[in-house]
Amino acid sequence: MRVDWKQLKGFIDETKLYNFINYFTLNDEVYVWMSYQNENFSCLLYNNTIEYEEFIDDYKDKAILKDDIEQDGIPIMRNTHVITGRIMHAIFAVIKTSTKNNNDKTGYITVKLFDSNGNETDLGSEAVKTAIDFETNFSYELSGGGIQCLSDLETNFYVSAVMAPDIPSEMGGSVYNVINKFLVLPKEDIFVAGIGPGYMTYTEGSHTNKLRIEISHDKGIEKKFQTEVQYYS
């Protein structure tokens, strides 16, 4: 679509799509165009005109000299539905708060204890948070997770779930998808599910695909819970 410079400039300034600008320099003019949403906009600017000088001074350095900025990235498509070759798995583990005891047979689950200062501890008597870490040596698509009380609760328990807890939030980790869920006394079963709530990419040594279920509780209290993690791989 041929437009004049005023219209093209106005569209660029309004959308801030400066890196979509393309140009080709001729003898006495410059041909300027941009591609956006399968539509091309173009105009011809003649040398020694206000429009030409404006383009040279304010827009030329921002041009990319290519037809589609999307080529700078890596296009990704992901189907979150079950297809041939993908299987849904459900991993269960029985744990006891304020201890590292669990009955996991897969090797994917470990338990950590944290004291009131947020430091990891081996002393169950000092533990106010029990963290159940689910981490594999392959990438997977998280489907859901849950926790079940196996005995009556007399005190307050709170559950959170965080993806990639070892990676700072400013680097894209520590993403909470369950925050401070109070478990209703005396018992409660909860399960959170969704279509593709998180694709956990495995990179050796980086802990990018770790899922953590956190149980906050009174200091040193021991209660049995069963945790569940569902995922596709």
C-alpha atoms as a PDB file:
ATOM      1  CA  MET A   1       0.000   0.000   0.000  1.00  0.00           C
ATOM      2  CA  ARG A   2       1.454   3.355  -1.003  1.00  0.00           C
ATOM      3  CA  VAL A   3       1.095   6.042   1.669  1.00  0.00           C
ATOM      4  CA  ASP A   4       2.679   9.429   2.158  1.00  0.00           C
ATOM      5  CA  TRP A   5       5.487  10.006   4.659  1.00  0.00           C
ATOM      6  CA  LYS A   6       3.231  11.776   7.143  1.00  0.00           C
ATOM      7  CA  GLN A   7       0.920   8.751   7.348  1.00  0.00           C
ATOM      8  CA  LEU A   8       3.756   6.225   7.570  1.00  0.00           C
ATOM      9  CA  LYS A   9       5.640   8.257  10.160  1.00  0.00           C
ATOM     10  CA  GLY A  10       2.485   8.685  12.230  1.00  0.00           C
ATOM     11  CA  PHE A  11       1.838   4.932  12.226  1.00  0.00           C
ATOM     12  CA  ILE A  12       5.445   4.173  13.222  1.00  0.00           C
ATOM     13  CA  ASP A  13       5.417   6.696  16.058  1.00  0.00           C
ATOM     14  CA  GLU A  14       2.055   5.506  17.344  1.00  0.00           C
ATOM     15  CA  THR A  15       2.964   1.804  17.378  1.00  0.00           C
ATOM     16  CA  LYS A  16       6.662   2.263  18.276  1.00  0.00           C
ATOM     17  CA  LEU A  17       7.552  -0.278  15.566  1.00  0.00           C
ATOM     18  CA  TYR A  18      10.765   1.501  14.663  1.00  0.00           C
ATOM     19  CA  ASN A  19      12.629  -1.745  14.049  1.00  0.00           C
ATOM     20  CA  PHE A  20      10.174  -2.684  11.316  1.00  0.00           C
ATOM     21  CA  ILE A  21      11.433   0.110   9.050  1.00  0.00           C
ATOM     22  CA  ASN A  22      13.195  -0.845   5.809  1.00  0.00           C
ATOM     23  CA  TYR A  23      14.737   1.435   3.194  1.00  0.00           C
ATOM     24  CA  PHE A  24      16.587   1.356  -0.098  1.00  0.00           C
ATOM     25  CA  THR A  25      18.682   4.309  -1.239  1.00  0.00           C
ATOM     26  CA  LEU A  26      18.391   5.417  -4.905  1.00  0.00           C
ATOM     27  CA  ASN A  27      20.240   8.209  -6.741  1.00  0.00           C
ATOM     28  CA  ASP A  28      18.025  11.122  -5.696  1.00  0.00           C
ATOM     29  CA  GLU A  29      15.556   9.527  -3.322  1.00  0.00           C
ATOM     30  CA  VAL A  30      15.082   6.849  -0.715  1.00  0.00           C
ATOM     31  CA  TYR A  31      12.383   4.197  -0.852  1.00  0.00           C
ATOM     32  CA  VAL A  32      10.996   3.470   2.637  1.00  0.00           C
ATOM     33  CA  TRP A  33       8.675   0.611   3.560  1.00  0.00           C
ATOM     34  CA  MET A  34       7.602  -1.580   6.435  1.00  0.00           C
ATOM     35  CA  SER A  35       5.822  -4.938   6.681  1.00  0.00           C
ATOM     36  CA  TYR A  36       3.275  -5.460   9.438  1.00  0.00           C
ATOM     37  CA  GLN A  37       0.564  -8.116   9.880  1.00  0.00           C
ATOM     38  CA  ASN A  38       0.937  -9.289   6.246  1.00  0.00           C
ATOM     39  CA  GLU A  39       0.506  -5.733   4.962  1.00  0.00           C
ATOM     40  CA  ASN A  40       3.190  -3.563   3.298  1.00  0.00           C
ATOM     41  CA  PHE A  41       3.306   0.223   3.645  1.00  0.00           C
ATOM     42  CA  SER A  42       5.685   2.266   1.483  1.00  0.00           C
ATOM     43  CA  CYS A  43       6.566   5.755   0.318  1.00  0.00           C
ATOM     44  CA  LEU A  44       9.227   7.523  -1.739  1.00  0.00           C
ATOM     45  CA  LEU A  45      11.193  10.407  -0.209  1.00  0.00           C
ATOM     46  CA  TYR A  46      13.055  12.798  -2.485  1.00  0.00           C
ATOM     47  CA  ASN A  47      16.447  14.258  -1.719  1.00  0.00           C
ATOM     48  CA  ASN A  48      16.588  17.849  -0.379  1.00  0.00           C
ATOM     49  CA  THR A  49      13.063  17.717   1.041  1.00  0.00           C
ATOM     50  CA  ILE A  50      11.924  18.106   4.629  1.00  0.00           C
ATOM     51  CA  GLU A  51      10.556  14.554   4.625  1.00  0.00           C
ATOM     52  CA  TYR A  52      13.864  13.152   3.371  1.00  0.00           C
ATOM     53  CA  GLU A  53      15.893  15.010   5.995  1.00  0.00           C
ATOM     54  CA  GLU A  54      13.471  13.935   8.711  1.00  0.00           C
ATOM     55  CA  PHE A  55      13.857  10.277   7.771  1.00  0.00           C
ATOM     56  CA  ILE A  56      17.676  10.538   7.643  1.00  0.00           C
ATOM     57  CA  ASP A  57      17.919  12.352  10.988  1.00  0.00           C
ATOM     58  CA  ASP A  58      15.298  10.537  13.078  1.00  0.00           C
ATOM     59  CA  TYR A  59      14.479   7.122  11.566  1.00  0.00           C
ATOM     60  CA  LYS A  60      17.241   5.758   9.333  1.00  0.00           C
ATOM     61  CA  ASP A  61      19.433   4.538  12.200  1.00  0.00           C
ATOM     62  CA  LYS A  62      16.516   2.530  13.605  1.00  0.00           C
ATOM     63  CA  ALA A  63      15.856   0.621  10.380  1.00  0.00           C
ATOM     64  CA  ILE A  64      16.612  -3.072  10.149  1.00  0.00           C
ATOM     65  CA  LEU A  65      16.953  -3.492   6.372  1.00  0.00           C
ATOM     66  CA  LYS A  66      14.879  -6.661   6.299  1.00  0.00           C
ATOM     67  CA  ASP A  67      11.251  -7.494   5.790  1.00  0.00           C
ATOM     68  CA  ASP A  68      10.177  -9.101   9.056  1.00  0.00           C
ATOM     69  CA  ILE A  69      11.601  -8.608  12.529  1.00  0.00           C
ATOM     70  CA  GLU A  70      10.091 -11.932  13.600  1.00  0.00           C
ATOM     71  CA  GLN A  71      12.982 -13.627  11.821  1.00  0.00           C
ATOM     72  CA  ASP A  72      15.260 -12.322  14.581  1.00  0.00           C
ATOM     73  CA  GLY A  73      13.662 -14.754  17.027  1.00  0.00           C
ATOM     74  CA  ILE A  74      12.954 -18.472  17.088  1.00  0.00           C
ATOM     75  CA  PRO A  75       9.331 -19.326  16.270  1.00  0.00           C
ATOM     76  CA  ILE A  76       7.901 -21.852  18.725  1.00  0.00           C
ATOM     77  CA  MET A  77       4.702 -23.879  18.499  1.00  0.00           C
ATOM     78  CA  ARG A  78       3.504 -26.164  21.243  1.00  0.00           C
ATOM     79  CA  ASN A  79       0.443 -28.395  21.376  1.00  0.00           C
ATOM     80  CA  THR A  80      -0.752 -28.914  24.941  1.00  0.00           C
ATOM     81  CA  HIS A  81      -3.109 -31.760  24.092  1.00  0.00           C
ATOM     82  CA  VAL A  82      -2.202 -35.430  24.311  1.00  0.00           C
ATOM     83  CA  ILE A  83      -0.845 -36.741  21.038  1.00  0.00           C
ATOM     84  CA  THR A  84       0.890 -39.935  19.958  1.00  0.00           C
ATOM     85  CA  GLY A  85       4.120 -40.402  21.862  1.00  0.00           C
ATOM     86  CA  ARG A  86       3.161 -38.228  24.834  1.00  0.00           C
ATOM     87  CA  ILE A  87       1.991 -39.832  28.065  1.00  0.00           C
ATOM     88  CA  MET A  88       0.507 -38.322  31.198  1.00  0.00           C
ATOM     89  CA  HIS A  89       2.294 -39.397  34.384  1.00  0.00           C
ATOM     90  CA  ALA A  90       1.110 -39.040  38.002  1.00  0.00           C
ATOM     91  CA  ILE A  91       3.780 -39.237  40.710  1.00  0.00           C
ATOM     92  CA  PHE A  92       2.691 -39.624  44.352  1.00  0.00           C
ATOM     93  CA  ALA A  93       4.821 -39.408  47.474  1.00  0.00           C
ATOM     94  CA  VAL A  94       4.012 -39.594  51.188  1.00  0.00           C
ATOM     95  CA  ILE A  95       6.028 -37.139  53.269  1.00  0.00           C
ATOM     96  CA  LYS A  96       6.075 -36.066  56.921  1.00  0.00           C
ATOM     97  CA  THR A  97       6.574 -32.378  57.719  1.00  0.00           C
ATOM     98  CA  SER A  98       9.694 -31.384  59.683  1.00  0.00           C
ATOM     99  CA  THR A  99      11.422 -34.527  58.402  1.00  0.00           C
ATOM    100  CA  LYS A 100      13.053 -35.533  55.127  1.00  0.00           C
ATOM    101  CA  ASN A 101      11.263 -38.862  55.115  1.00  0.00           C
ATOM    102  CA  ASN A 102       9.383 -39.805  51.940  1.00  0.00           C
ATOM    103  CA  ASN A 103       8.499 -42.962  50.069  1.00  0.00           C
ATOM    104  CA  ASP A 104       9.351 -41.820  46.527  1.00  0.00           C
ATOM    105  CA  LYS A 105      10.621 -44.644  44.300  1.00  0.00           C
ATOM    106  CA  THR A 106      11.379 -42.603  41.169  1.00  0.00           C
ATOM    107  CA  GLY A 107      14.315 -40.565  42.458  1.00  0.00           C
ATOM    108  CA  TYR A 108      12.609 -37.384  41.259  1.00  0.00           C
ATOM    109  CA  ILE A 109      11.501 -36.212  44.716  1.00  0.00           C
ATOM    110  CA  THR A 110      13.603 -34.831  47.556  1.00  0.00           C
ATOM    111  CA  VAL A 111      12.580 -33.003  50.733  1.00  0.00           C
ATOM    112  CA  LYS A 112      14.245 -29.946  52.272  1.00  0.00           C
ATOM    113  CA  LEU A 113      13.607 -28.193  55.596  1.00  0.00           C
ATOM    114  CA  PHE A 114      13.820 -24.463  56.280  1.00  0.00           C
ATOM    115  CA  ASP A 115      13.950 -22.574  59.575  1.00  0.00           C
ATOM    116  CA  SER A 116      12.247 -19.299  60.538  1.00  0.00           C
ATOM    117  CA  ASN A 117      15.098 -17.299  58.957  1.00  0.00           C
ATOM    118  CA  GLY A 118      14.600 -18.994  55.603  1.00  0.00           C
ATOM    119  CA  ASN A 119      17.791 -21.018  55.900  1.00  0.00           C
ATOM    120  CA  GLU A 120      17.955 -24.705  55.022  1.00  0.00           C
ATOM    121  CA  THR A 121      18.334 -26.900  58.093  1.00  0.00           C
ATOM    122  CA  ASP A 122      18.685 -30.565  59.004  1.00  0.00           C
ATOM    123  CA  LEU A 123      17.053 -29.990  62.404  1.00  0.00           C
ATOM    124  CA  GLY A 124      13.418 -30.994  62.255  1.00  0.00           C
ATOM    125  CA  SER A 125      12.781 -29.246  65.558  1.00  0.00           C
ATOM    126  CA  GLU A 126      13.673 -25.907  63.880  1.00  0.00           C
ATOM    127  CA  ALA A 127      11.717 -26.449  60.670  1.00  0.00           C
ATOM    128  CA  VAL A 128       8.824 -24.111  59.855  1.00  0.00           C
ATOM    129  CA  LYS A 129       8.677 -25.002  56.166  1.00  0.00           C
ATOM    130  CA  THR A 130       8.884 -28.385  54.472  1.00  0.00           C
ATOM    131  CA  ALA A 131       9.708 -28.201  50.753  1.00  0.00           C
ATOM    132  CA  ILE A 132       9.004 -31.118  48.413  1.00  0.00           C
ATOM    133  CA  ASP A 133      11.133 -30.768  45.265  1.00  0.00           C
ATOM    134  CA  PHE A 134      10.182 -32.572  42.052  1.00  0.00           C
ATOM    135  CA  GLU A 135      13.035 -32.516  39.517  1.00  0.00           C
ATOM    136  CA  THR A 136      13.695 -34.784  36.544  1.00  0.00           C
ATOM    137  CA  ASN A 137      16.549 -35.192  34.064  1.00  0.00           C
ATOM    138  CA  PHE A 138      14.260 -34.462  31.090  1.00  0.00           C
ATOM    139  CA  SER A 139      11.897 -31.718  29.945  1.00  0.00           C
ATOM    140  CA  TYR A 140       8.205 -32.118  30.682  1.00  0.00           C
ATOM    141  CA  GLU A 141       4.923 -30.254  30.512  1.00  0.00           C
ATOM    142  CA  LEU A 142       3.393 -29.718  33.923  1.00  0.00           C
ATOM    143  CA  SER A 143      -0.284 -30.640  34.052  1.00  0.00           C
ATOM    144  CA  GLY A 144      -1.138 -30.188  37.708  1.00  0.00           C
ATOM    145  CA  GLY A 145      -0.325 -31.023  41.289  1.00  0.00           C
ATOM    146  CA  GLY A 146      -1.960 -31.499  44.631  1.00  0.00           C
ATOM    147  CA  ILE A 147      -1.644 -32.372  48.280  1.00  0.00           C
ATOM    148  CA  GLN A 148      -3.731 -34.553  50.580  1.00  0.00           C
ATOM    149  CA  CYS A 149      -3.812 -34.500  54.395  1.00  0.00           C
ATOM    150  CA  LEU A 150      -3.422 -38.021  55.755  1.00  0.00           C
ATOM    151  CA  SER A 151      -4.259 -37.161  59.354  1.00  0.00           C
ATOM    152  CA  ASP A 152      -6.326 -34.564  61.196  1.00  0.00           C
ATOM    153  CA  LEU A 153      -4.739 -31.127  61.422  1.00  0.00           C
ATOM    154  CA  GLU A 154      -4.970 -29.222  64.683  1.00  0.00           C
ATOM    155  CA  THR A 155      -2.829 -26.229  63.669  1.00  0.00           C
ATOM    156  CA  ASN A 156      -2.533 -23.998  60.618  1.00  0.00           C
ATOM    157  CA  PHE A 157      -0.868 -25.253  57.445  1.00  0.00           C
ATOM    158  CA  TYR A 158      -0.288 -23.232  54.258  1.00  0.00           C
ATOM    159  CA  VAL A 159       0.696 -24.576  50.833  1.00  0.00           C
ATOM    160  CA  SER A 160       2.481 -22.825  47.962  1.00  0.00           C
ATOM    161  CA  ALA A 161       3.916 -24.115  44.686  1.00  0.00           C
ATOM    162  CA  VAL A 162       6.785 -22.506  42.800  1.00  0.00           C
ATOM    163  CA  MET A 163       8.487 -23.364  39.522  1.00  0.00           C
ATOM    164  CA  ALA A 164      12.295 -23.103  39.247  1.00  0.00           C
ATOM    165  CA  PRO A 165      12.736 -22.003  42.891  1.00  0.00           C
ATOM    166  CA  ASP A 166      16.558 -21.919  42.688  1.00  0.00           C
ATOM    167  CA  ILE A 167      16.529 -19.286  39.924  1.00  0.00           C
ATOM    168  CA  PRO A 168      15.945 -15.616  40.905  1.00  0.00           C
ATOM    169  CA  SER A 169      12.721 -14.025  39.681  1.00  0.00           C
ATOM    170  CA  GLU A 170      14.644 -11.372  37.730  1.00  0.00           C
ATOM    171  CA  MET A 171      16.157 -14.211  35.688  1.00  0.00           C
ATOM    172  CA  GLY A 172      12.763 -15.778  34.963  1.00  0.00           C
ATOM    173  CA  GLY A 173      12.578 -18.270  37.834  1.00  0.00           C
ATOM    174  CA  SER A 174      10.801 -18.459  41.200  1.00  0.00           C
ATOM    175  CA  VAL A 175       7.381 -18.348  39.548  1.00  0.00           C
ATOM    176  CA  TYR A 176       4.592 -19.070  42.035  1.00  0.00           C
ATOM    177  CA  ASN A 177       1.423 -20.661  40.649  1.00  0.00           C
ATOM    178  CA  VAL A 178      -0.063 -21.485  44.065  1.00  0.00           C
ATOM    179  CA  ILE A 179       0.419 -18.875  46.771  1.00  0.00           C
ATOM    180  CA  ASN A 180      -0.248 -19.410  50.478  1.00  0.00           C
ATOM    181  CA  LYS A 181      -3.282 -21.736  50.267  1.00  0.00           C
ATOM    182  CA  PHE A 182      -4.671 -22.293  53.766  1.00  0.00           C
ATOM    183  CA  LEU A 183      -5.589 -25.927  54.413  1.00  0.00           C
ATOM    184  CA  VAL A 184      -9.028 -26.105  55.939  1.00  0.00           C
ATOM    185  CA  LEU A 185      -9.107 -28.027  59.207  1.00  0.00           C
ATOM    186  CA  PRO A 186      -9.341 -30.837  60.088  1.00  0.00           C
ATOM    187  CA  LYS A 187      -8.561 -32.198  56.588  1.00  0.00           C
ATOM    188  CA  GLU A 188      -8.430 -30.960  53.042  1.00  0.00           C
ATOM    189  CA  ASP A 189      -7.479 -32.330  49.643  1.00  0.00           C
ATOM    190  CA  ILE A 190      -6.478 -29.806  46.993  1.00  0.00           C
ATOM    191  CA  PHE A 191      -5.494 -30.224  43.373  1.00  0.00           C
ATOM    192  CA  VAL A 192      -4.634 -27.510  40.875  1.00  0.00           C
ATOM    193  CA  ALA A 193      -4.789 -28.438  37.179  1.00  0.00           C
ATOM    194  CA  GLY A 194      -4.726 -26.643  33.873  1.00  0.00           C
ATOM    195  CA  ILE A 195      -3.962 -26.943  30.181  1.00  0.00           C
ATOM    196  CA  GLY A 196      -0.228 -26.427  29.910  1.00  0.00           C
ATOM    197  CA  PRO A 197       0.352 -24.315  33.040  1.00  0.00           C
ATOM    198  CA  GLY A 198       4.085 -24.655  32.588  1.00  0.00           C
ATOM    199  CA  TYR A 199       6.624 -26.232  30.232  1.00  0.00           C
ATOM    200  CA  MET A 200       9.642 -27.185  32.311  1.00  0.00           C
ATOM    201  CA  THR A 201      12.770 -27.274  30.145  1.00  0.00           C
ATOM    202  CA  TYR A 202      15.636 -29.442  31.357  1.00  0.00           C
ATOM    203  CA  THR A 203      19.151 -28.033  31.188  1.00  0.00           C
ATOM    204  CA  GLU A 204      21.817 -30.017  32.996  1.00  0.00           C
ATOM    205  CA  GLY A 205      22.856 -28.402  36.261  1.00  0.00           C
ATOM    206  CA  SER A 206      20.551 -25.386  35.930  1.00  0.00           C
ATOM    207  CA  HIS A 207      17.486 -26.607  37.904  1.00  0.00           C
ATOM    208  CA  THR A 208      15.182 -24.953  35.362  1.00  0.00           C
ATOM    209  CA  ASN A 209      12.642 -27.776  35.531  1.00  0.00           C
ATOM    210  CA  LYS A 210      12.323 -28.041  39.305  1.00  0.00           C
ATOM    211  CA  LEU A 211       8.852 -27.807  40.853  1.00  0.00           C
ATOM    212  CA  ARG A 212       8.631 -27.149  44.598  1.00  0.00           C
ATOM    213  CA  ILE A 213       5.603 -27.690  46.840  1.00  0.00           C
ATOM    214  CA  GLU A 214       6.054 -25.744  50.082  1.00  0.00           C
ATOM    215  CA  ILE A 215       4.200 -26.545  53.308  1.00  0.00           C
ATOM    216  CA  SER A 216       4.469 -23.825  55.973  1.00  0.00           C
ATOM    217  CA  HIS A 217       3.656 -24.962  59.505  1.00  0.00           C
ATOM    218  CA  ASP A 218       4.347 -24.512  63.200  1.00  0.00           C
ATOM    219  CA  LYS A 219       7.931 -25.165  64.240  1.00  0.00           C
ATOM    220  CA  GLY A 220       8.882 -28.833  64.389  1.00  0.00           C
ATOM    221  CA  ILE A 221       5.364 -30.213  63.874  1.00  0.00           C
ATOM    222  CA  GLU A 222       5.159 -33.608  62.157  1.00  0.00           C
ATOM    223  CA  LYS A 223       2.143 -34.468  60.005  1.00  0.00           C
ATOM    224  CA  LYS A 224       1.768 -36.856  57.087  1.00  0.00           C
ATOM    225  CA  PHE A 225       0.773 -35.615  53.628  1.00  0.00           C
ATOM    226  CA  GLN A 226       0.556 -37.193  50.209  1.00  0.00           C
ATOM    227  CA  THR A 227       1.716 -35.043  47.287  1.00  0.00           C
ATOM    228  CA  GLU A 228       0.870 -35.527  43.615  1.00  0.00           C
ATOM    229  CA  VAL A 229       2.511 -34.202  40.447  1.00  0.00           C
ATOM    230  CA  GLN A 230       0.975 -34.767  37.023  1.00  0.00           C
ATOM    231  CA  TYR A 231       2.972 -34.127  33.853  1.00  0.00           C
ATOM    232  CA  TYR A 232       3.232 -35.029  30.161  1.00  0.00           C
ATOM    233  CA  SER A 233       6.420 -36.320  28.569  1.00  0.00           C
END
